[in-house]
């Protein structure tokens, strides 16, 4: 129970915890941010790290304290996101054949690959960009892209575009609006809002899938 409370506290008070990290570790904070973004996007078993809210909080602190330099942070975290995606893609490519030959490996079922391949075929490479803005999905999508039929030359262009749009977009929102009094005084609600907006597509797709199956 204490572990859950600690994780929830970290999520909801990212601005305070990140400020403490900056005070304690100084410029090493860049390396810590790099590691968190890389792990969230690169390790299929770590999809629950707070990527969106972390970028927002980092942008807000860069604006309010000047302890983080956006000209350093943004390129660094774009690289972290790209490295994570590519590690995930090639791990998926390596394991994809084994998943297709079996019914399941860990929590991956063969049908996940088939369904995602169909989704990629229907919506094209923009799926990679859309997935970047959805927690959990942004961790799973590169793995499935590698395990599926999307070739790397097609994948990498959308991967770069998604990483740039995500890191620049979310961190700049924090930089521009994170220190407005109404947001600063209600940071917990803002974090809930970011999480809610991020997972809304997952909930919508789940409900749509259930309704479609019920109708069928």
N, C-alpha and C. Protein backbone atom coordinates (compact mmCIF):
# COMPACT_ATOMS: atom_id res chain seq x y z
N UNK A 1 0.83 -1.20 0.00
CA UNK A 1 0.00 0.00 0.00
C UNK A 1 0.87 1.26 0.00
N UNK A 2 1.94 1.24 0.78
CA UNK A 2 2.85 2.38 0.85
C UNK A 2 3.51 2.64 -0.50
N UNK A 3 3.84 1.54 -1.20
CA UNK A 3 4.46 1.68 -2.52
C UNK A 3 3.52 2.38 -3.48
N UNK A 4 2.24 1.97 -3.48
CA UNK A 4 1.23 2.57 -4.35
C UNK A 4 1.06 4.05 -4.03
N UNK A 5 1.03 4.36 -2.72
CA UNK A 5 0.89 5.75 -2.30
C UNK A 5 2.08 6.59 -2.74
N UNK A 6 3.27 5.99 -2.66
CA UNK A 6 4.49 6.70 -3.08
C UNK A 6 4.47 6.99 -4.57
N UNK A 7 4.04 5.98 -5.36
CA UNK A 7 3.96 6.16 -6.81
C UNK A 7 2.94 7.23 -7.16
N UNK A 8 1.77 7.18 -6.50
CA UNK A 8 0.72 8.16 -6.76
C UNK A 8 1.19 9.56 -6.37
N UNK A 9 1.88 9.66 -5.26
CA UNK A 9 2.40 10.96 -4.81
C UNK A 9 3.40 11.51 -5.82
N UNK A 10 4.24 10.63 -6.37
CA UNK A 10 5.23 11.07 -7.36
C UNK A 10 4.54 11.60 -8.61
N UNK A 11 3.49 10.88 -9.05
CA UNK A 11 2.73 11.31 -10.23
C UNK A 11 2.11 12.68 -10.02
N UNK A 12 1.45 12.85 -8.85
CA UNK A 12 0.64 14.04 -8.62
C UNK A 12 1.46 15.26 -8.23
N UNK A 13 2.68 15.05 -7.75
CA UNK A 13 3.51 16.16 -7.31
C UNK A 13 4.84 16.17 -8.07
N UNK A 14 4.74 15.92 -9.38
CA UNK A 14 5.95 15.88 -10.21
C UNK A 14 6.72 17.19 -10.15
N UNK A 15 6.00 18.31 -10.09
CA UNK A 15 6.68 19.59 -10.06
C UNK A 15 7.58 19.72 -8.83
N UNK A 16 7.07 19.29 -7.67
CA UNK A 16 7.84 19.37 -6.43
C UNK A 16 9.00 18.36 -6.43
N UNK A 17 8.71 17.14 -6.85
CA UNK A 17 9.75 16.11 -6.85
C UNK A 17 10.85 16.45 -7.86
N UNK A 18 10.45 16.97 -9.01
CA UNK A 18 11.44 17.34 -10.01
C UNK A 18 12.29 18.51 -9.52
N UNK A 19 11.66 19.44 -8.80
CA UNK A 19 12.42 20.56 -8.21
C UNK A 19 13.44 20.04 -7.20
N UNK A 20 13.04 19.04 -6.40
CA UNK A 20 13.96 18.44 -5.43
C UNK A 20 15.12 17.75 -6.13
N UNK A 21 14.82 17.07 -7.24
CA UNK A 21 15.87 16.39 -8.00
C UNK A 21 16.86 17.40 -8.56
N UNK A 22 16.35 18.52 -9.08
CA UNK A 22 17.22 19.56 -9.62
C UNK A 22 18.11 20.13 -8.52
N UNK A 23 17.54 20.38 -7.35
CA UNK A 23 18.32 20.93 -6.24
C UNK A 23 19.41 19.98 -5.77
N UNK A 24 19.11 18.67 -5.82
CA UNK A 24 20.07 17.69 -5.31
C UNK A 24 21.11 17.28 -6.35
N UNK A 25 20.70 17.16 -7.61
CA UNK A 25 21.60 16.60 -8.62
C UNK A 25 22.07 17.59 -9.68
N UNK A 26 21.51 18.79 -9.69
CA UNK A 26 21.97 19.81 -10.63
C UNK A 26 21.85 19.37 -12.07
N UNK A 27 22.95 19.48 -12.82
CA UNK A 27 22.92 19.16 -14.25
C UNK A 27 22.71 17.67 -14.52
N UNK A 28 22.91 16.82 -13.51
CA UNK A 28 22.63 15.40 -13.70
C UNK A 28 21.13 15.13 -13.89
N UNK A 29 20.32 16.15 -13.61
CA UNK A 29 18.88 16.03 -13.83
C UNK A 29 18.59 15.72 -15.28
N UNK A 30 19.39 16.28 -16.19
CA UNK A 30 19.19 15.99 -17.62
C UNK A 30 19.32 14.49 -17.89
N UNK A 31 20.32 13.87 -17.24
CA UNK A 31 20.53 12.44 -17.42
C UNK A 31 19.37 11.63 -16.84
N UNK A 32 18.83 12.09 -15.71
CA UNK A 32 17.70 11.40 -15.08
C UNK A 32 16.47 11.48 -15.98
N UNK A 33 16.20 12.68 -16.52
CA UNK A 33 15.07 12.84 -17.44
C UNK A 33 15.27 11.98 -18.69
N UNK A 34 16.49 11.97 -19.21
CA UNK A 34 16.81 11.15 -20.38
C UNK A 34 16.51 9.68 -20.10
N UNK A 35 16.93 9.21 -18.94
CA UNK A 35 16.75 7.80 -18.58
C UNK A 35 15.27 7.45 -18.46
N UNK A 36 14.48 8.33 -17.82
CA UNK A 36 13.05 8.05 -17.64
C UNK A 36 12.34 7.96 -18.99
N UNK A 37 12.60 8.92 -19.88
CA UNK A 37 11.96 8.92 -21.20
C UNK A 37 12.41 7.71 -22.01
N UNK A 38 13.71 7.37 -21.94
CA UNK A 38 14.21 6.21 -22.67
C UNK A 38 13.57 4.92 -22.17
N UNK A 39 13.50 4.76 -20.85
CA UNK A 39 12.94 3.53 -20.27
C UNK A 39 11.46 3.40 -20.61
N UNK A 40 10.72 4.52 -20.51
CA UNK A 40 9.28 4.45 -20.80
C UNK A 40 9.02 4.03 -22.24
N UNK A 41 9.81 4.55 -23.17
CA UNK A 41 9.57 4.25 -24.58
C UNK A 41 10.32 3.02 -25.06
N UNK A 42 11.39 2.64 -24.35
CA UNK A 42 12.24 1.57 -24.85
C UNK A 42 12.07 0.21 -24.22
N UNK A 43 11.52 0.16 -23.00
CA UNK A 43 11.36 -1.12 -22.33
C UNK A 43 9.89 -1.48 -22.27
N UNK A 44 9.53 -2.56 -22.94
CA UNK A 44 8.13 -2.95 -23.08
C UNK A 44 7.48 -3.25 -21.73
N UNK A 45 8.30 -3.54 -20.71
CA UNK A 45 7.76 -3.88 -19.39
C UNK A 45 7.61 -2.65 -18.49
N UNK A 46 7.89 -1.45 -19.03
CA UNK A 46 7.83 -0.23 -18.20
C UNK A 46 6.95 0.84 -18.86
N UNK A 47 5.68 0.52 -19.12
CA UNK A 47 4.84 1.48 -19.84
C UNK A 47 4.16 2.54 -18.97
N UNK A 48 4.30 2.45 -17.66
CA UNK A 48 3.51 3.31 -16.78
C UNK A 48 4.26 4.51 -16.23
N UNK A 49 5.45 4.77 -16.74
CA UNK A 49 6.18 5.95 -16.29
C UNK A 49 5.48 7.22 -16.80
N UNK A 50 5.59 8.33 -16.05
CA UNK A 50 4.79 9.53 -16.36
C UNK A 50 5.40 10.43 -17.43
N UNK A 51 5.49 9.94 -18.66
CA UNK A 51 6.15 10.71 -19.72
C UNK A 51 5.52 12.06 -19.99
N UNK A 52 4.20 12.11 -20.22
CA UNK A 52 3.53 13.37 -20.57
C UNK A 52 3.65 14.40 -19.44
N UNK A 53 3.26 13.98 -18.24
CA UNK A 53 3.27 14.92 -17.11
C UNK A 53 4.69 15.32 -16.74
N UNK A 54 5.66 14.43 -16.95
CA UNK A 54 7.06 14.76 -16.67
C UNK A 54 7.55 15.86 -17.61
N UNK A 55 7.23 15.74 -18.89
CA UNK A 55 7.62 16.77 -19.85
C UNK A 55 6.97 18.10 -19.52
N UNK A 56 5.70 18.06 -19.15
CA UNK A 56 4.98 19.29 -18.79
C UNK A 56 5.62 19.95 -17.57
N UNK A 57 5.90 19.15 -16.54
CA UNK A 57 6.50 19.69 -15.31
C UNK A 57 7.91 20.22 -15.58
N UNK A 58 8.67 19.51 -16.42
CA UNK A 58 10.03 19.97 -16.75
C UNK A 58 9.99 21.30 -17.48
N UNK A 59 9.04 21.45 -18.40
CA UNK A 59 8.89 22.73 -19.11
C UNK A 59 8.51 23.85 -18.17
N UNK A 60 7.59 23.57 -17.24
CA UNK A 60 7.16 24.58 -16.27
C UNK A 60 8.32 25.03 -15.38
N UNK A 61 9.14 24.07 -14.94
CA UNK A 61 10.28 24.40 -14.07
C UNK A 61 11.37 25.15 -14.85
N UNK A 62 11.52 24.81 -16.12
CA UNK A 62 12.49 25.54 -16.95
C UNK A 62 12.10 27.01 -17.04
N UNK A 63 10.80 27.27 -17.13
CA UNK A 63 10.33 28.65 -17.23
C UNK A 63 10.43 29.39 -15.91
N UNK A 64 10.11 28.70 -14.81
CA UNK A 64 10.02 29.39 -13.51
C UNK A 64 11.36 29.54 -12.81
N UNK A 65 12.26 28.57 -12.99
CA UNK A 65 13.52 28.60 -12.24
C UNK A 65 14.75 28.82 -13.12
N UNK A 66 14.66 28.49 -14.38
CA UNK A 66 15.82 28.60 -15.25
C UNK A 66 16.86 27.53 -14.98
N UNK A 67 16.54 26.58 -14.09
CA UNK A 67 17.50 25.52 -13.75
C UNK A 67 17.64 24.52 -14.88
N UNK A 68 16.62 24.41 -15.71
CA UNK A 68 16.67 23.55 -16.90
C UNK A 68 16.65 24.45 -18.13
N UNK A 69 17.53 24.14 -19.07
CA UNK A 69 17.62 24.91 -20.31
C UNK A 69 16.87 24.16 -21.40
N UNK A 70 15.82 24.77 -21.93
CA UNK A 70 15.01 24.12 -22.96
C UNK A 70 15.83 23.78 -24.19
N UNK A 71 16.83 24.59 -24.50
CA UNK A 71 17.67 24.34 -25.69
C UNK A 71 18.50 23.08 -25.54
N UNK A 72 18.75 22.68 -24.28
CA UNK A 72 19.46 21.42 -24.02
C UNK A 72 18.46 20.29 -23.82
N UNK A 73 17.43 20.56 -23.04
CA UNK A 73 16.49 19.51 -22.65
C UNK A 73 15.72 18.93 -23.83
N UNK A 74 15.20 19.79 -24.69
CA UNK A 74 14.35 19.30 -25.79
C UNK A 74 15.10 18.38 -26.74
N UNK A 75 16.27 18.78 -27.28
CA UNK A 75 16.99 17.84 -28.16
C UNK A 75 17.38 16.55 -27.45
N UNK A 76 17.79 16.67 -26.19
CA UNK A 76 18.22 15.50 -25.42
C UNK A 76 17.07 14.50 -25.26
N UNK A 77 15.88 14.99 -24.95
CA UNK A 77 14.75 14.10 -24.71
C UNK A 77 14.16 13.56 -26.02
N UNK A 78 14.33 14.31 -27.10
CA UNK A 78 13.95 13.77 -28.42
C UNK A 78 14.83 12.58 -28.75
N UNK A 79 16.12 12.70 -28.47
CA UNK A 79 17.06 11.59 -28.70
C UNK A 79 16.69 10.40 -27.82
N UNK A 80 16.35 10.68 -26.54
CA UNK A 80 15.97 9.60 -25.62
C UNK A 80 14.74 8.85 -26.14
N UNK A 81 13.75 9.61 -26.63
CA UNK A 81 12.53 8.99 -27.16
C UNK A 81 12.82 8.16 -28.40
N UNK A 82 13.69 8.69 -29.27
CA UNK A 82 14.03 7.97 -30.50
C UNK A 82 14.82 6.69 -30.20
N UNK A 83 15.76 6.79 -29.28
CA UNK A 83 16.54 5.60 -28.91
C UNK A 83 15.63 4.54 -28.30
N UNK A 84 14.72 4.96 -27.42
CA UNK A 84 13.79 4.02 -26.82
C UNK A 84 12.92 3.34 -27.87
N UNK A 85 12.37 4.13 -28.78
CA UNK A 85 11.52 3.57 -29.84
C UNK A 85 12.28 2.56 -30.69
N UNK A 86 13.52 2.89 -31.02
CA UNK A 86 14.29 2.00 -31.89
C UNK A 86 14.69 0.70 -31.19
N UNK A 87 15.04 0.80 -29.91
CA UNK A 87 15.31 -0.42 -29.14
C UNK A 87 14.07 -1.30 -29.13
N UNK A 88 12.93 -0.69 -28.87
CA UNK A 88 11.67 -1.42 -28.80
C UNK A 88 11.32 -2.06 -30.15
N UNK A 89 11.53 -1.30 -31.22
CA UNK A 89 11.23 -1.79 -32.57
C UNK A 89 12.05 -3.04 -32.89
N UNK A 90 13.35 -2.98 -32.62
CA UNK A 90 14.22 -4.10 -33.00
C UNK A 90 14.06 -5.31 -32.07
N UNK A 91 13.68 -5.06 -30.80
CA UNK A 91 13.34 -6.17 -29.93
C UNK A 91 12.08 -6.86 -30.46
N UNK A 92 11.11 -6.04 -30.90
CA UNK A 92 9.90 -6.59 -31.49
C UNK A 92 10.20 -7.37 -32.75
N UNK A 93 11.10 -6.86 -33.57
CA UNK A 93 11.47 -7.54 -34.81
C UNK A 93 12.13 -8.89 -34.51
N UNK A 94 12.94 -8.90 -33.46
CA UNK A 94 13.64 -10.13 -33.08
C UNK A 94 12.66 -11.18 -32.54
N UNK A 95 11.68 -10.72 -31.74
CA UNK A 95 10.75 -11.66 -31.10
C UNK A 95 9.49 -11.91 -31.91
N UNK A 96 9.28 -11.09 -32.95
CA UNK A 96 8.03 -11.17 -33.70
C UNK A 96 7.76 -12.55 -34.27
N UNK A 97 8.77 -13.15 -34.85
CA UNK A 97 8.61 -14.48 -35.44
C UNK A 97 8.23 -15.52 -34.41
N UNK A 98 8.83 -15.42 -33.22
CA UNK A 98 8.52 -16.38 -32.15
C UNK A 98 7.09 -16.20 -31.65
N UNK A 99 6.64 -14.92 -31.58
CA UNK A 99 5.26 -14.66 -31.13
C UNK A 99 4.27 -15.24 -32.13
N UNK A 100 4.57 -15.07 -33.42
CA UNK A 100 3.65 -15.56 -34.45
C UNK A 100 3.58 -17.08 -34.49
N UNK A 101 4.67 -17.73 -34.05
CA UNK A 101 4.68 -19.20 -34.04
C UNK A 101 4.00 -19.77 -32.80
N UNK A 102 3.83 -18.93 -31.78
CA UNK A 102 3.19 -19.37 -30.54
C UNK A 102 1.91 -18.59 -30.31
N UNK A 103 1.14 -19.06 -29.39
CA UNK A 103 -0.11 -18.35 -29.06
C UNK A 103 0.16 -17.14 -28.19
N UNK A 104 1.21 -17.23 -27.35
CA UNK A 104 1.49 -16.14 -26.42
C UNK A 104 2.94 -16.20 -25.95
N UNK A 105 3.55 -15.01 -25.78
CA UNK A 105 4.83 -14.86 -25.08
C UNK A 105 4.64 -13.76 -24.06
N UNK A 106 4.81 -14.08 -22.78
CA UNK A 106 4.51 -13.16 -21.69
C UNK A 106 3.06 -12.69 -21.85
N UNK A 107 2.84 -11.36 -21.93
CA UNK A 107 1.46 -10.87 -22.08
C UNK A 107 1.12 -10.55 -23.53
N UNK A 108 2.00 -10.95 -24.47
CA UNK A 108 1.73 -10.70 -25.88
C UNK A 108 1.10 -11.93 -26.52
N UNK A 109 -0.07 -11.72 -27.13
CA UNK A 109 -0.72 -12.79 -27.87
C UNK A 109 -0.50 -12.58 -29.36
N UNK A 110 -0.56 -13.67 -30.09
CA UNK A 110 -0.37 -13.60 -31.53
C UNK A 110 -1.41 -12.68 -32.17
N UNK A 111 -2.62 -12.67 -31.63
CA UNK A 111 -3.69 -11.86 -32.20
C UNK A 111 -3.40 -10.37 -32.08
N UNK A 112 -2.60 -9.96 -31.06
CA UNK A 112 -2.25 -8.55 -30.93
C UNK A 112 -1.46 -8.08 -32.16
N UNK A 113 -0.54 -8.94 -32.62
CA UNK A 113 0.26 -8.60 -33.78
C UNK A 113 -0.64 -8.46 -35.01
N UNK A 114 -1.54 -9.42 -35.19
CA UNK A 114 -2.43 -9.41 -36.35
C UNK A 114 -3.33 -8.18 -36.35
N UNK A 115 -3.93 -7.89 -35.18
CA UNK A 115 -4.83 -6.74 -35.09
C UNK A 115 -4.09 -5.43 -35.34
N UNK A 116 -2.88 -5.33 -34.80
CA UNK A 116 -2.12 -4.09 -34.97
C UNK A 116 -1.65 -3.95 -36.41
N UNK A 117 -1.26 -5.05 -37.05
CA UNK A 117 -0.88 -4.99 -38.46
C UNK A 117 -2.04 -4.48 -39.31
N UNK A 118 -3.25 -4.95 -39.00
CA UNK A 118 -4.43 -4.49 -39.72
C UNK A 118 -4.67 -3.00 -39.48
N UNK A 119 -4.42 -2.57 -38.23
CA UNK A 119 -4.59 -1.15 -37.89
C UNK A 119 -3.58 -0.30 -38.64
N UNK A 120 -2.32 -0.75 -38.68
CA UNK A 120 -1.30 -0.04 -39.43
C UNK A 120 -1.66 0.03 -40.91
N UNK A 121 -2.17 -1.08 -41.44
CA UNK A 121 -2.53 -1.15 -42.85
C UNK A 121 -3.66 -0.16 -43.16
N UNK A 122 -4.60 -0.01 -42.24
CA UNK A 122 -5.75 0.86 -42.44
C UNK A 122 -5.38 2.33 -42.29
N UNK A 123 -4.59 2.66 -41.26
CA UNK A 123 -4.32 4.07 -40.94
C UNK A 123 -2.93 4.54 -41.37
N UNK A 124 -2.08 3.63 -41.80
CA UNK A 124 -0.76 4.03 -42.26
C UNK A 124 0.19 4.41 -41.14
N UNK A 125 1.30 5.04 -41.53
CA UNK A 125 2.35 5.38 -40.57
C UNK A 125 1.95 6.41 -39.55
N UNK A 126 0.85 7.16 -39.81
CA UNK A 126 0.44 8.16 -38.82
C UNK A 126 0.08 7.51 -37.49
N UNK A 127 -0.16 6.19 -37.52
CA UNK A 127 -0.42 5.45 -36.28
C UNK A 127 0.74 5.61 -35.31
N UNK A 128 1.97 5.61 -35.83
CA UNK A 128 3.16 5.73 -34.99
C UNK A 128 3.16 7.09 -34.30
N UNK A 129 2.74 8.14 -35.03
CA UNK A 129 2.71 9.49 -34.46
C UNK A 129 1.60 9.59 -33.41
N UNK A 130 0.41 9.09 -33.74
CA UNK A 130 -0.71 9.14 -32.80
C UNK A 130 -0.39 8.39 -31.51
N UNK A 131 0.26 7.23 -31.65
CA UNK A 131 0.58 6.40 -30.49
C UNK A 131 1.50 7.12 -29.51
N UNK A 132 2.34 8.02 -30.02
CA UNK A 132 3.30 8.73 -29.17
C UNK A 132 2.61 9.52 -28.07
N UNK A 133 1.38 9.95 -28.29
CA UNK A 133 0.68 10.80 -27.33
C UNK A 133 -0.23 10.00 -26.40
N UNK A 134 -0.18 8.68 -26.46
CA UNK A 134 -1.06 7.86 -25.63
C UNK A 134 -0.22 6.97 -24.71
N UNK A 135 -0.31 7.15 -23.38
CA UNK A 135 0.45 6.31 -22.46
C UNK A 135 0.18 4.83 -22.70
N UNK A 136 1.16 4.01 -22.41
CA UNK A 136 1.12 2.56 -22.60
C UNK A 136 1.21 2.22 -24.09
N UNK A 137 0.33 2.84 -24.91
CA UNK A 137 0.35 2.56 -26.34
C UNK A 137 1.68 2.98 -26.95
N UNK A 138 2.25 4.13 -26.48
CA UNK A 138 3.51 4.59 -27.05
C UNK A 138 4.66 3.63 -26.72
N UNK A 139 4.49 2.83 -25.66
CA UNK A 139 5.50 1.83 -25.32
C UNK A 139 5.31 0.56 -26.14
N UNK A 140 4.06 0.19 -26.39
CA UNK A 140 3.77 -1.07 -27.08
C UNK A 140 3.87 -0.93 -28.60
N UNK A 141 3.47 0.24 -29.14
CA UNK A 141 3.39 0.42 -30.58
C UNK A 141 4.71 0.15 -31.33
N UNK A 142 5.87 0.67 -30.86
CA UNK A 142 7.11 0.38 -31.58
C UNK A 142 7.45 -1.12 -31.60
N UNK A 143 7.16 -1.80 -30.47
CA UNK A 143 7.42 -3.24 -30.38
C UNK A 143 6.58 -3.99 -31.42
N UNK A 144 5.30 -3.63 -31.49
CA UNK A 144 4.40 -4.31 -32.42
C UNK A 144 4.73 -3.95 -33.86
N UNK A 145 5.17 -2.70 -34.09
CA UNK A 145 5.58 -2.30 -35.44
C UNK A 145 6.75 -3.15 -35.91
N UNK A 146 7.69 -3.41 -35.00
CA UNK A 146 8.83 -4.26 -35.35
C UNK A 146 8.43 -5.72 -35.53
N UNK A 147 7.53 -6.18 -34.67
CA UNK A 147 7.08 -7.57 -34.75
C UNK A 147 6.17 -7.81 -35.94
N UNK A 148 5.51 -6.74 -36.42
CA UNK A 148 4.59 -6.85 -37.53
C UNK A 148 5.28 -6.66 -38.87
N UNK A 149 4.56 -6.06 -39.79
CA UNK A 149 5.05 -6.00 -41.17
C UNK A 149 5.57 -4.63 -41.58
N UNK A 150 5.62 -3.66 -40.65
CA UNK A 150 6.07 -2.32 -41.03
C UNK A 150 7.59 -2.31 -41.19
N UNK A 151 8.06 -1.99 -42.39
CA UNK A 151 9.51 -1.99 -42.59
C UNK A 151 10.13 -0.75 -41.96
N UNK A 152 11.42 -0.84 -41.66
CA UNK A 152 12.09 0.19 -40.87
C UNK A 152 12.16 1.52 -41.61
N UNK A 153 12.39 1.49 -42.93
CA UNK A 153 12.51 2.74 -43.69
C UNK A 153 11.23 3.55 -43.62
N UNK A 154 10.08 2.89 -43.53
CA UNK A 154 8.81 3.59 -43.39
C UNK A 154 8.59 4.02 -41.94
N UNK A 155 8.98 3.15 -41.02
CA UNK A 155 8.75 3.40 -39.59
C UNK A 155 9.54 4.60 -39.08
N UNK A 156 10.80 4.71 -39.46
CA UNK A 156 11.70 5.67 -38.83
C UNK A 156 11.27 7.12 -39.07
N UNK A 157 10.75 7.43 -40.25
CA UNK A 157 10.31 8.79 -40.54
C UNK A 157 9.18 9.23 -39.62
N UNK A 158 8.18 8.37 -39.47
CA UNK A 158 7.06 8.67 -38.58
C UNK A 158 7.51 8.68 -37.11
N UNK A 159 8.48 7.83 -36.80
CA UNK A 159 9.02 7.77 -35.44
C UNK A 159 9.68 9.10 -35.06
N UNK A 160 10.49 9.64 -35.97
CA UNK A 160 11.16 10.92 -35.72
C UNK A 160 10.13 12.05 -35.57
N UNK A 161 9.15 12.07 -36.47
CA UNK A 161 8.11 13.11 -36.41
C UNK A 161 7.35 13.03 -35.10
N UNK A 162 6.99 11.83 -34.68
CA UNK A 162 6.24 11.65 -33.44
C UNK A 162 7.03 12.10 -32.22
N UNK A 163 8.32 11.74 -32.17
CA UNK A 163 9.17 12.11 -31.03
C UNK A 163 9.32 13.62 -30.93
N UNK A 164 9.53 14.29 -32.06
CA UNK A 164 9.69 15.75 -32.06
C UNK A 164 8.40 16.43 -31.61
N UNK A 165 7.27 16.02 -32.20
CA UNK A 165 5.99 16.64 -31.86
C UNK A 165 5.66 16.43 -30.38
N UNK A 166 5.94 15.24 -29.87
CA UNK A 166 5.61 14.92 -28.47
C UNK A 166 6.46 15.73 -27.49
N UNK A 167 7.78 15.64 -27.63
CA UNK A 167 8.68 16.31 -26.69
C UNK A 167 8.52 17.83 -26.78
N UNK A 168 8.56 18.37 -27.98
CA UNK A 168 8.45 19.82 -28.14
C UNK A 168 7.07 20.31 -27.70
N UNK A 169 6.03 19.61 -28.15
CA UNK A 169 4.66 20.05 -27.86
C UNK A 169 4.34 20.07 -26.38
N UNK A 170 4.59 18.97 -25.69
CA UNK A 170 4.19 18.86 -24.28
C UNK A 170 5.09 19.72 -23.38
N UNK A 171 6.39 19.71 -23.63
CA UNK A 171 7.29 20.51 -22.78
C UNK A 171 7.05 22.01 -22.99
N UNK A 172 6.74 22.42 -24.23
CA UNK A 172 6.46 23.83 -24.48
C UNK A 172 5.14 24.27 -23.86
N UNK A 173 4.17 23.36 -23.80
CA UNK A 173 2.93 23.68 -23.09
C UNK A 173 3.22 23.98 -21.62
N UNK A 174 4.09 23.16 -21.02
CA UNK A 174 4.50 23.40 -19.63
C UNK A 174 5.25 24.70 -19.49
N UNK A 175 6.13 24.98 -20.45
CA UNK A 175 6.96 26.19 -20.41
C UNK A 175 6.09 27.46 -20.51
N UNK A 176 5.07 27.40 -21.38
CA UNK A 176 4.25 28.58 -21.64
C UNK A 176 3.13 28.77 -20.62
N UNK A 177 2.57 27.65 -20.15
CA UNK A 177 1.37 27.76 -19.32
C UNK A 177 1.50 27.17 -17.91
N UNK A 178 2.57 26.41 -17.67
CA UNK A 178 2.71 25.70 -16.40
C UNK A 178 2.80 26.58 -15.18
N UNK A 179 3.19 27.85 -15.37
CA UNK A 179 3.37 28.73 -14.22
C UNK A 179 2.27 29.78 -14.08
N UNK A 180 1.20 29.63 -14.89
CA UNK A 180 0.04 30.48 -14.66
C UNK A 180 -0.53 30.14 -13.28
N UNK A 181 -0.92 31.13 -12.50
CA UNK A 181 -1.41 30.87 -11.13
C UNK A 181 -2.48 29.80 -11.05
N UNK A 182 -3.44 29.84 -11.98
CA UNK A 182 -4.53 28.87 -11.92
C UNK A 182 -4.04 27.44 -12.13
N UNK A 183 -2.99 27.28 -12.93
CA UNK A 183 -2.43 25.94 -13.17
C UNK A 183 -1.48 25.56 -12.05
N UNK A 184 -0.65 26.50 -11.63
CA UNK A 184 0.33 26.22 -10.58
C UNK A 184 -0.35 25.86 -9.26
N UNK A 185 -1.48 26.52 -8.97
CA UNK A 185 -2.19 26.26 -7.72
C UNK A 185 -3.09 25.03 -7.78
N UNK A 186 -3.26 24.49 -8.98
CA UNK A 186 -4.10 23.29 -9.15
C UNK A 186 -3.35 22.23 -9.96
N UNK A 187 -2.06 22.08 -9.63
CA UNK A 187 -1.20 21.22 -10.45
C UNK A 187 -1.69 19.77 -10.45
N UNK A 188 -2.22 19.32 -9.31
CA UNK A 188 -2.71 17.93 -9.24
C UNK A 188 -3.85 17.72 -10.24
N UNK A 189 -4.76 18.69 -10.31
CA UNK A 189 -5.88 18.59 -11.25
C UNK A 189 -5.37 18.62 -12.69
N UNK A 190 -4.34 19.41 -12.94
CA UNK A 190 -3.75 19.48 -14.28
C UNK A 190 -3.16 18.13 -14.67
N UNK A 191 -2.45 17.49 -13.74
CA UNK A 191 -1.86 16.18 -14.01
C UNK A 191 -2.96 15.16 -14.30
N UNK A 192 -4.03 15.19 -13.49
CA UNK A 192 -5.17 14.30 -13.75
C UNK A 192 -5.74 14.58 -15.13
N UNK A 193 -5.81 15.85 -15.50
CA UNK A 193 -6.34 16.22 -16.82
C UNK A 193 -5.47 15.70 -17.95
N UNK A 194 -4.15 15.82 -17.78
CA UNK A 194 -3.21 15.33 -18.80
C UNK A 194 -3.35 13.82 -18.95
N UNK A 195 -3.40 13.12 -17.81
CA UNK A 195 -3.56 11.66 -17.84
C UNK A 195 -4.89 11.29 -18.48
N UNK A 196 -5.97 12.02 -18.11
CA UNK A 196 -7.29 11.73 -18.65
C UNK A 196 -7.35 11.91 -20.16
N UNK A 197 -6.80 13.03 -20.65
CA UNK A 197 -6.78 13.28 -22.09
C UNK A 197 -5.94 12.24 -22.82
N UNK A 198 -4.86 11.80 -22.17
CA UNK A 198 -3.97 10.84 -22.80
C UNK A 198 -4.60 9.46 -22.95
N UNK A 199 -5.35 9.04 -21.92
CA UNK A 199 -5.91 7.68 -21.97
C UNK A 199 -7.30 7.65 -22.60
N UNK A 200 -7.89 8.83 -22.89
CA UNK A 200 -9.23 8.87 -23.48
C UNK A 200 -9.33 8.06 -24.77
N UNK A 201 -8.33 8.13 -25.69
CA UNK A 201 -8.43 7.32 -26.91
C UNK A 201 -8.49 5.82 -26.63
N UNK A 202 -7.76 5.37 -25.58
CA UNK A 202 -7.77 3.95 -25.24
C UNK A 202 -9.17 3.54 -24.79
N UNK A 203 -9.77 4.37 -23.92
CA UNK A 203 -11.11 4.08 -23.40
C UNK A 203 -12.13 4.09 -24.53
N UNK A 204 -12.02 5.09 -25.41
CA UNK A 204 -12.94 5.19 -26.54
C UNK A 204 -12.85 3.97 -27.44
N UNK A 205 -11.61 3.55 -27.74
CA UNK A 205 -11.42 2.39 -28.61
C UNK A 205 -11.93 1.12 -27.95
N UNK A 206 -11.74 1.00 -26.63
CA UNK A 206 -12.22 -0.18 -25.90
C UNK A 206 -13.74 -0.26 -25.95
N UNK A 207 -14.40 0.88 -25.68
CA UNK A 207 -15.87 0.91 -25.71
C UNK A 207 -16.38 0.62 -27.12
N UNK A 208 -15.74 1.22 -28.12
CA UNK A 208 -16.14 1.01 -29.50
C UNK A 208 -16.02 -0.45 -29.90
N UNK A 209 -14.91 -1.08 -29.45
CA UNK A 209 -14.69 -2.49 -29.75
C UNK A 209 -15.75 -3.37 -29.10
N UNK A 210 -16.08 -3.06 -27.84
CA UNK A 210 -17.11 -3.83 -27.13
C UNK A 210 -18.47 -3.68 -27.81
N UNK A 211 -18.83 -2.46 -28.22
CA UNK A 211 -20.10 -2.23 -28.88
C UNK A 211 -20.17 -2.93 -30.23
N UNK A 212 -19.05 -2.92 -30.95
CA UNK A 212 -19.00 -3.59 -32.25
C UNK A 212 -19.20 -5.08 -32.11
N UNK A 213 -18.54 -5.67 -31.11
CA UNK A 213 -18.67 -7.10 -30.89
C UNK A 213 -20.10 -7.46 -30.43
N UNK A 214 -20.67 -6.59 -29.60
CA UNK A 214 -22.02 -6.85 -29.11
C UNK A 214 -23.03 -6.79 -30.26
N UNK A 215 -22.83 -5.83 -31.17
CA UNK A 215 -23.71 -5.71 -32.33
C UNK A 215 -23.57 -6.91 -33.26
N UNK A 216 -22.30 -7.34 -33.44
CA UNK A 216 -22.05 -8.49 -34.30
C UNK A 216 -22.66 -9.75 -33.71
